[in-house]
Every structure is written in structure tokens, then in C-alpha cells.
Amino acid sequence: MAVTQAIVHYINKAEGEPVKLSPRLSVLPITPSVETLIGKLSASYNNRSGKIYGGFEADTDGYPFSRWLTACLSDEIDFVQLSRQLAERFTAELDQQMEAVEGYLLVAKMQVLGAEQLLVLLLSSSPALVIDEQLELSDSQHLDVGKVQLGARIDLPQWQRNDAQQYLSLVRSRTGKGINNAFRICLGATEEVDSKEQTQTLLKVFNDYCSTQQLPVKETSDTKQRAYEYCQEKVDSGERVQLKELSCVIDTSDPDKFYNYVGDQRTEQGNKLSGDIHADKRSLQRFVRYSGSMKGLSLSFSESLLGEQILYDAASDTLTLRGLPPTLRKQLARNSGEQ
């Protein structure tokens, strides 16, 4: 990954108050520290679950960001002006909301795997102390690199080619619907595909496929692990899961078998899975783990343990564990009075 341009603006809005925008007037110098920071933020964005995928609204008068971006890429306006117009549109939308918001709006253009991308993030900060060269303590602000409030990533070549409808991804805030809506409007983003739903559909089709193949338990477990590792690698690099590639990973002796099976399946809404999907990192865990919770109880274990250390009896609705974790065994022994 190589960062080519980056800039940050500060936004502060108290609840019910107008937004205060403190814009930066020039791009950030691309130092090793800036590249490292944006690399970490990009990875943090990739790791966020629940992304929504779509594109730009067709109405460029009502949603002008795509028009501004076109002007920037053709050198009609510079990167500073693009980011400033975006920040001003965002603050104008935030002024329509009552919710409080504070953070740093980062806009960065970068090369990832040979493709140009635009990353837009709203970053949180927290109070911190720093020690200077004179060993004096002073107050500072610490960026929460692992905590992206809001975010969007645009695959610029896909958007410019007009051959895809899902070239833009969004990460939504968990704290306020109004802030999410303001961010989406300022970008002019559409919401078309939920990565979590797509991943859950893929998992269902995959499990149905394993059932129809009547694979031995060990082979099924190994197949799930290979599928999980492939999908996880794609998510970590910010790429889509290619179903043809996944099919090859699942069965090297008949590489089209799973792909052809997927082509015959339909979702509950009557749709087919496309040739590539946006996978959700957290949902992928269901390839290799079982988990669930109820009042006073939480369980999570590797899929490979089922049938060996963990036995399931559907008739009696029970799980039997063979061999307990040492720390759990010690707690149980101590509470029961045993040594």
C-alpha cells in the first residue's frame, strides 16, 4: 500500500449546537509515520464487520461529491478543495441532527494492489499524556487507530469503468442513526448490499453443499478450514471473495463443483449469489466455530471438536464435553471443595 495524498479536518458538535469545523489548509506530508498510520487505519477498516456496499447516487446536483471527485481526478480542483467541500457538506448535514459528534475527518488517496482507492474516515481521539525531551508531562490527544467511527472506501478504477455497482463500501457508527445518515448523504452513497447477509447466505449454501456431498466428518472440517482461511485472507486485504477461486480451494480435484452448485441455488429472496461477494469478517467465524449464549451461559468452540471432544445429542438437546480446560477444572474443583 502506498499513500499518495492525505489530509485531515477537525469536526466538533455539541448536542443541539452548530458544528464547528477546523479545516487543514494543505495536504499532509507523506512521511513514514503518516503511511504507517494510514496503513493501520486501512487494516482497521478492513476488520470492521457489517459493511454496506453500493455506489454513488445518480443525482449529482443533490449529491455532488461524485462530481467533485471527478473534477479532482481530472485536476480541475485540488485534493485540499475536494476534502474541504466534503467536510463542509458533512458539517451542513450534521447541523440538521441533534446528536453530538467529535472527531477528525481523514481523506486519503492510496494505491492498494495496483488500484487507486479513496479512504474517508471519521476518527476518534482520547486524552493522553506525553513526555517531551525535557521529561516534562503535557496533555495531548491520542488517535484511536483501532476505532473507526465512520468510514467509506471507494475503488476508483471500478467506479470510473462503470462496470460495477458495488465500488463503494460504508462502515456505520454504532452510536447514532443521524450521524450515519449525514455521512451517507455527504458522500451521495447508495446502500445496496449488506456484507453480513451475503456472508450468511454463503455459509448456508456451503453447509448445504457439504450435506449433499455426504463428506466424512474430518473431511468436512478440513474443507471448512480451507474455505475460512481463503475468505479471511480476502477480507484482510480488502478484496472480494471470488466464488470460482473458493470452489478451487474447496475441491482441487473438481474445481468447478462448488461453483456450479452455487449457481443452482437461490437465496430466500429468490436471488442468486453473484460471482464475487463482500465477506463479513465476524460472520466468517461460523465456518470454523460454533457459538451461542443464553442467560448465565456463553459457549464457543472450534468446529473441529464436534464429534470428538464435544458430542451433540439433538434428541435430548444436550452437549457433552470430554475433557475440560485446566483453568475451568480448577475453578470447579475449588468451588466444590475438592483439591
Protein backbone atom coordinates (compact mmCIF):
# COMPACT_ATOMS: atom_id res chain seq x y z
CA MET A 1 0.00 0.00 0.00
CA ALA A 2 1.29 3.48 -0.91
CA VAL A 3 -0.34 6.73 0.26
CA THR A 4 -0.27 9.43 -2.42
CA GLN A 5 -2.31 12.22 -0.76
CA ALA A 6 -3.87 12.74 2.65
CA ILE A 7 -5.47 15.49 4.70
CA VAL A 8 -7.38 15.79 7.96
CA HIS A 9 -10.01 18.25 9.26
CA TYR A 10 -11.39 18.58 12.79
CA ILE A 11 -15.15 18.48 13.46
CA ASN A 12 -16.81 19.25 16.78
CA LYS A 13 -20.53 19.42 17.51
CA ALA A 14 -22.09 19.58 20.95
CA GLU A 15 -25.58 18.15 21.28
CA GLY A 16 -28.09 20.61 19.81
CA GLU A 17 -25.34 23.09 18.89
CA PRO A 18 -23.97 24.15 15.46
CA VAL A 19 -20.99 22.26 14.08
CA LYS A 20 -17.53 23.79 14.39
CA LEU A 21 -15.21 22.89 11.50
CA SER A 22 -11.45 23.46 11.78
CA PRO A 23 -10.07 22.74 8.30
CA ARG A 24 -6.46 22.00 7.43
CA LEU A 25 -5.24 24.24 4.61
CA SER A 26 -2.70 21.91 2.99
CA VAL A 27 -2.16 18.20 2.44
CA LEU A 28 -0.21 16.21 4.98
CA PRO A 29 3.42 15.50 4.10
CA ILE A 30 3.62 11.79 3.26
CA THR A 31 6.16 10.70 5.87
CA PRO A 32 6.78 7.11 7.02
CA SER A 33 4.71 7.90 10.14
CA VAL A 34 1.74 9.05 8.06
CA GLU A 35 1.98 5.97 5.82
CA THR A 36 2.15 3.71 8.89
CA LEU A 37 -0.85 5.44 10.47
CA ILE A 38 -3.00 5.20 7.34
CA GLY A 39 -1.91 1.59 6.83
CA LYS A 40 -3.15 0.74 10.33
CA LEU A 41 -6.39 2.64 9.77
CA SER A 42 -6.94 0.84 6.47
CA ALA A 43 -6.45 -2.52 8.21
CA SER A 44 -8.82 -1.43 10.98
CA TYR A 45 -11.40 -0.53 8.34
CA ASN A 46 -10.99 -3.92 6.66
CA ASN A 47 -11.55 -5.65 10.00
CA ARG A 48 -14.81 -3.86 10.79
CA SER A 49 -17.81 -6.11 10.36
CA GLY A 50 -21.19 -5.14 8.96
CA LYS A 51 -20.03 -3.15 5.94
CA ILE A 52 -22.62 -1.95 3.44
CA TYR A 53 -21.75 -1.85 -0.27
CA GLY A 54 -23.14 0.31 -3.03
CA GLY A 55 -22.21 3.19 -5.33
CA PHE A 56 -22.96 6.87 -5.91
CA GLU A 57 -26.39 8.41 -6.33
CA ALA A 58 -27.14 9.31 -9.96
CA ASP A 59 -28.36 12.81 -8.97
CA THR A 60 -25.09 14.77 -8.90
CA ASP A 61 -26.92 18.05 -8.18
CA GLY A 62 -28.46 16.75 -4.98
CA TYR A 63 -25.39 14.63 -4.16
CA PRO A 64 -22.40 16.48 -5.66
CA PHE A 65 -19.47 14.57 -4.10
CA SER A 66 -19.03 12.25 -7.10
CA ARG A 67 -18.92 15.33 -9.34
CA TRP A 68 -16.28 16.93 -7.12
CA LEU A 69 -14.28 13.70 -7.15
CA THR A 70 -14.38 13.61 -10.94
CA ALA A 71 -13.12 17.22 -11.02
CA CYS A 72 -10.29 16.36 -8.62
CA LEU A 73 -9.16 13.32 -10.61
CA SER A 74 -9.09 15.46 -13.78
CA ASP A 75 -7.11 18.20 -11.96
CA GLU A 76 -9.89 20.79 -12.16
CA ILE A 77 -9.76 21.15 -8.38
CA ASP A 78 -7.03 20.04 -5.99
CA PHE A 79 -7.21 17.46 -3.22
CA VAL A 80 -7.44 20.11 -0.49
CA GLN A 81 -10.51 21.64 -2.11
CA LEU A 82 -12.13 18.23 -2.59
CA SER A 83 -11.68 17.36 1.08
CA ARG A 84 -12.79 20.83 2.22
CA GLN A 85 -16.01 20.64 0.17
CA LEU A 86 -16.68 17.18 1.56
CA ALA A 87 -16.10 18.36 5.15
CA GLU A 88 -18.37 21.38 4.65
CA ARG A 89 -21.14 19.21 3.18
CA PHE A 90 -20.77 16.77 6.09
CA THR A 91 -20.99 19.56 8.68
CA ALA A 92 -24.03 21.03 6.89
CA GLU A 93 -25.77 17.66 7.18
CA LEU A 94 -24.69 17.27 10.81
CA ASP A 95 -26.30 20.63 11.57
CA GLN A 96 -29.64 19.01 10.77
CA GLN A 97 -29.06 16.47 13.55
CA MET A 98 -29.29 16.88 17.32
CA GLU A 99 -26.61 14.30 18.15
CA ALA A 100 -23.16 15.31 19.41
CA VAL A 101 -20.15 14.30 17.34
CA GLU A 102 -16.42 14.98 17.56
CA GLY A 103 -13.56 13.63 15.51
CA TYR A 104 -11.01 14.04 12.77
CA LEU A 105 -12.17 13.62 9.18
CA LEU A 106 -9.34 11.92 7.31
CA VAL A 107 -9.37 11.78 3.50
CA ALA A 108 -6.62 9.73 1.88
CA LYS A 109 -5.86 8.55 -1.64
CA MET A 110 -3.70 5.46 -1.93
CA GLN A 111 -2.54 2.65 -4.18
CA VAL A 112 -3.63 -0.81 -3.00
CA LEU A 113 -2.68 -3.87 -5.06
CA GLY A 114 -2.19 -1.66 -8.09
CA ALA A 115 -5.59 0.04 -7.79
CA GLU A 116 -6.27 3.59 -6.61
CA GLN A 117 -8.61 3.93 -3.63
CA LEU A 118 -10.08 6.83 -1.70
CA LEU A 119 -10.47 6.33 2.04
CA VAL A 120 -12.70 8.64 4.11
CA LEU A 121 -12.72 8.08 7.87
CA LEU A 122 -14.05 9.86 10.94
CA LEU A 123 -11.56 9.13 13.70
CA SER A 124 -12.00 9.33 17.47
CA SER A 125 -9.43 10.63 19.92
CA SER A 126 -8.93 10.36 23.65
CA PRO A 127 -6.95 12.42 26.20
CA ALA A 128 -3.35 11.32 26.73
CA LEU A 129 -0.15 12.40 28.43
CA VAL A 130 3.17 12.76 26.61
CA ILE A 131 6.71 13.23 27.90
CA ASP A 132 8.83 15.75 25.99
CA GLU A 133 12.62 15.89 25.60
CA GLN A 134 12.89 17.80 28.88
CA LEU A 135 10.99 14.97 30.59
CA GLU A 136 8.03 17.24 31.21
CA LEU A 137 4.48 15.86 31.11
CA SER A 138 1.94 17.61 28.92
CA ASP A 139 -1.61 16.97 27.77
CA SER A 140 -2.23 15.63 24.29
CA GLN A 141 -4.80 13.81 22.18
CA HIS A 142 -4.36 10.18 21.19
CA LEU A 143 -5.94 8.86 17.98
CA ASP A 144 -7.93 5.66 18.49
CA VAL A 145 -6.44 3.86 15.48
CA GLY A 146 -8.42 0.70 16.16
CA LYS A 147 -11.73 2.55 16.46
CA VAL A 148 -13.12 3.92 13.20
CA GLN A 149 -16.33 5.86 13.96
CA LEU A 150 -17.49 6.15 10.36
CA GLY A 151 -15.81 5.23 7.14
CA ALA A 152 -16.03 4.77 3.40
CA ARG A 153 -13.74 3.30 0.80
CA ILE A 154 -14.11 3.92 -2.94
CA ASP A 155 -12.46 1.73 -5.57
CA LEU A 156 -11.68 4.46 -8.11
CA PRO A 157 -10.93 2.28 -11.19
CA GLN A 158 -14.15 0.29 -10.73
CA TRP A 159 -16.16 3.48 -10.38
CA GLN A 160 -14.53 5.09 -13.42
CA ARG A 161 -15.03 1.99 -15.59
CA ASN A 162 -18.76 1.96 -14.84
CA ASP A 163 -18.66 -1.86 -14.86
CA ALA A 164 -19.64 -2.40 -11.23
CA GLN A 165 -22.39 -1.21 -8.90
CA GLN A 166 -20.61 -2.00 -5.64
CA TYR A 167 -17.43 0.04 -5.79
CA LEU A 168 -18.13 1.91 -2.53
CA SER A 169 -18.23 0.45 0.97
CA LEU A 170 -19.51 2.05 4.16
CA VAL A 171 -18.85 1.44 7.84
CA ARG A 172 -21.59 2.87 10.03
CA SER A 173 -21.39 4.34 13.51
CA ARG A 174 -22.82 2.27 16.34
CA THR A 175 -23.87 5.36 18.28
CA GLY A 176 -26.21 7.40 16.11
CA LYS A 177 -28.50 6.92 13.14
CA GLY A 178 -28.48 10.65 12.36
CA ILE A 179 -24.68 10.74 12.04
CA ASN A 180 -24.75 7.72 9.72
CA ASN A 181 -27.36 9.37 7.54
CA ALA A 182 -25.40 12.65 7.39
CA PHE A 183 -22.25 10.78 6.33
CA ARG A 184 -24.07 8.79 3.65
CA ILE A 185 -25.72 11.92 2.23
CA CYS A 186 -22.49 13.94 2.10
CA LEU A 187 -20.91 11.17 0.04
CA GLY A 188 -24.04 10.54 -2.01
CA ALA A 189 -23.69 6.82 -1.29
CA THR A 190 -26.31 4.19 -2.03
CA GLU A 191 -26.81 1.17 0.21
CA GLU A 192 -27.36 -1.94 -1.90
CA VAL A 193 -25.62 -4.95 -0.35
CA ASP A 194 -25.14 -5.97 3.28
CA SER A 195 -21.88 -7.94 3.64
CA LYS A 196 -23.19 -9.74 6.72
CA GLU A 197 -26.24 -11.01 4.85
CA GLN A 198 -24.11 -12.07 1.87
CA THR A 199 -21.75 -14.00 4.14
CA GLN A 200 -24.60 -15.70 5.96
CA THR A 201 -26.06 -16.75 2.60
CA LEU A 202 -22.67 -18.13 1.51
CA LEU A 203 -22.38 -20.09 4.77
CA LYS A 204 -25.83 -21.61 4.32
CA VAL A 205 -25.08 -22.63 0.72
CA PHE A 206 -21.71 -24.03 1.80
CA ASN A 207 -23.23 -26.11 4.63
CA ASP A 208 -25.95 -27.40 2.29
CA TYR A 209 -23.26 -28.35 -0.21
CA CYS A 210 -21.30 -30.30 2.43
CA SER A 211 -24.50 -32.12 3.41
CA THR A 212 -25.31 -33.12 -0.18
CA GLN A 213 -21.74 -34.42 -0.71
CA GLN A 214 -22.05 -36.64 2.40
CA LEU A 215 -18.42 -35.99 3.26
CA PRO A 216 -16.81 -37.70 6.26
CA VAL A 217 -16.69 -35.55 9.40
CA LYS A 218 -12.90 -35.00 9.20
CA GLU A 219 -13.03 -34.08 5.51
CA THR A 220 -15.90 -31.65 6.11
CA SER A 221 -13.94 -29.99 8.92
CA ASP A 222 -10.81 -29.69 6.76
CA THR A 223 -12.87 -28.24 3.89
CA LYS A 224 -14.41 -25.64 6.18
CA GLN A 225 -10.99 -24.64 7.47
CA ARG A 226 -9.62 -24.17 3.94
CA ALA A 227 -12.66 -22.12 2.92
CA TYR A 228 -12.36 -19.97 6.05
CA GLU A 229 -8.65 -19.29 5.52
CA TYR A 230 -9.22 -18.26 1.90
CA CYS A 231 -12.11 -15.92 2.77
CA GLN A 232 -10.23 -14.46 5.73
CA GLU A 233 -7.24 -13.66 3.53
CA LYS A 234 -9.50 -11.81 1.10
CA VAL A 235 -11.16 -9.78 3.87
CA ASP A 236 -7.80 -8.83 5.40
CA SER A 237 -6.59 -7.47 2.04
CA GLY A 238 -9.87 -5.66 1.34
CA GLU A 239 -10.72 -7.87 -1.65
CA ARG A 240 -13.91 -9.68 -2.61
CA VAL A 241 -14.33 -13.43 -2.25
CA GLN A 242 -14.26 -14.94 -5.75
CA LEU A 243 -16.57 -17.95 -5.83
CA LYS A 244 -14.60 -19.62 -8.63
CA GLU A 245 -11.41 -19.35 -6.56
CA LEU A 246 -13.23 -20.56 -3.46
CA SER A 247 -14.53 -23.55 -5.43
CA CYS A 248 -10.95 -24.48 -6.35
CA VAL A 249 -9.90 -24.23 -2.70
CA ILE A 250 -12.80 -26.44 -1.59
CA ASP A 251 -12.16 -29.25 -4.09
CA THR A 252 -8.92 -29.26 -6.09
CA SER A 253 -9.87 -32.50 -7.90
CA ASP A 254 -13.11 -30.98 -9.24
CA PRO A 255 -12.54 -27.19 -9.03
CA ASP A 256 -15.89 -26.20 -10.61
CA LYS A 257 -18.07 -28.45 -8.45
CA PHE A 258 -18.94 -26.00 -5.68
CA TYR A 259 -19.18 -23.09 -8.14
CA ASN A 260 -21.74 -24.96 -10.25
CA TYR A 261 -23.65 -25.91 -7.11
CA VAL A 262 -23.80 -22.25 -6.02
CA GLY A 263 -25.12 -21.27 -9.46
CA ASP A 264 -28.16 -23.52 -8.95
CA GLN A 265 -29.01 -22.13 -5.51
CA ARG A 266 -31.17 -19.13 -4.67
CA THR A 267 -31.45 -17.01 -1.55
CA GLU A 268 -34.62 -16.67 0.48
CA GLN A 269 -35.40 -13.56 -1.59
CA GLY A 270 -35.10 -15.60 -4.79
CA ASN A 271 -31.73 -14.12 -5.80
CA LYS A 272 -28.57 -15.95 -6.78
CA LEU A 273 -25.14 -15.33 -5.29
CA SER A 274 -23.03 -13.38 -7.77
CA GLY A 275 -19.59 -14.47 -8.93
CA ASP A 276 -17.95 -12.49 -6.12
CA ILE A 277 -19.17 -11.31 -2.75
CA HIS A 278 -18.10 -8.95 0.01
CA ALA A 279 -17.47 -11.14 3.05
CA ASP A 280 -18.03 -10.03 6.63
CA LYS A 281 -15.10 -10.80 8.93
CA ARG A 282 -17.08 -11.62 12.06
CA SER A 283 -19.65 -13.76 10.24
CA LEU A 284 -16.86 -15.83 8.68
CA GLN A 285 -16.13 -17.26 12.13
CA ARG A 286 -19.16 -19.50 11.63
CA PHE A 287 -17.13 -21.50 9.11
CA VAL A 288 -14.96 -22.83 11.91
CA ARG A 289 -16.70 -22.07 15.21
CA TYR A 290 -19.97 -22.74 16.96
CA SER A 291 -21.15 -20.16 19.45
CA GLY A 292 -24.23 -19.12 21.35
CA SER A 293 -25.40 -17.64 24.61
CA MET A 294 -28.36 -17.55 26.94
CA LYS A 295 -28.94 -16.13 30.39
CA GLY A 296 -25.92 -17.03 32.53
CA LEU A 297 -24.25 -19.13 29.85
CA SER A 298 -21.97 -18.47 26.88
CA LEU A 299 -20.43 -21.17 24.66
CA SER A 300 -17.92 -21.01 21.85
CA PHE A 301 -15.82 -23.84 20.45
CA SER A 302 -13.96 -24.91 17.34
CA GLU A 303 -15.98 -26.80 14.73
CA SER A 304 -13.25 -29.46 14.63
CA LEU A 305 -14.06 -30.51 18.23
CA LEU A 306 -17.63 -31.52 17.40
CA GLY A 307 -17.94 -35.29 17.33
CA GLU A 308 -14.68 -35.78 19.23
CA GLN A 309 -14.30 -33.79 22.44
CA ILE A 310 -17.80 -32.35 22.17
CA LEU A 311 -20.82 -34.54 21.47
CA TYR A 312 -24.25 -33.23 20.47
CA ASP A 313 -27.48 -35.18 21.07
CA ALA A 314 -30.33 -33.46 19.22
CA ALA A 315 -32.98 -35.70 20.80
CA SER A 316 -32.13 -34.64 24.35
CA ASP A 317 -30.87 -31.16 23.37
CA THR A 318 -27.58 -31.69 25.20
CA LEU A 319 -23.87 -31.16 24.64
CA THR A 320 -21.37 -33.46 26.33
CA LEU A 321 -17.80 -32.23 26.89
CA ARG A 322 -14.96 -34.72 27.10
CA GLY A 323 -12.09 -33.06 28.92
CA LEU A 324 -12.35 -29.58 30.41
CA PRO A 325 -9.96 -26.63 30.07
CA PRO A 326 -7.49 -26.79 33.03
CA THR A 327 -8.47 -23.37 34.35
CA LEU A 328 -12.18 -24.30 34.34
CA ARG A 329 -11.43 -27.63 36.01
CA LYS A 330 -9.51 -25.86 38.78
CA GLN A 331 -12.35 -23.40 39.39
CA LEU A 332 -14.91 -26.18 39.58
CA ALA A 333 -12.73 -28.24 41.92
CA ARG A 334 -12.06 -25.26 44.17
CA ASN A 335 -15.75 -24.28 44.41
CA SER A 336 -16.79 -27.87 45.11
CA GLY A 337 -14.25 -28.17 47.94
CA GLU A 338 -12.04 -30.67 46.12
CA GLN A 339 -8.26 -30.29 45.95
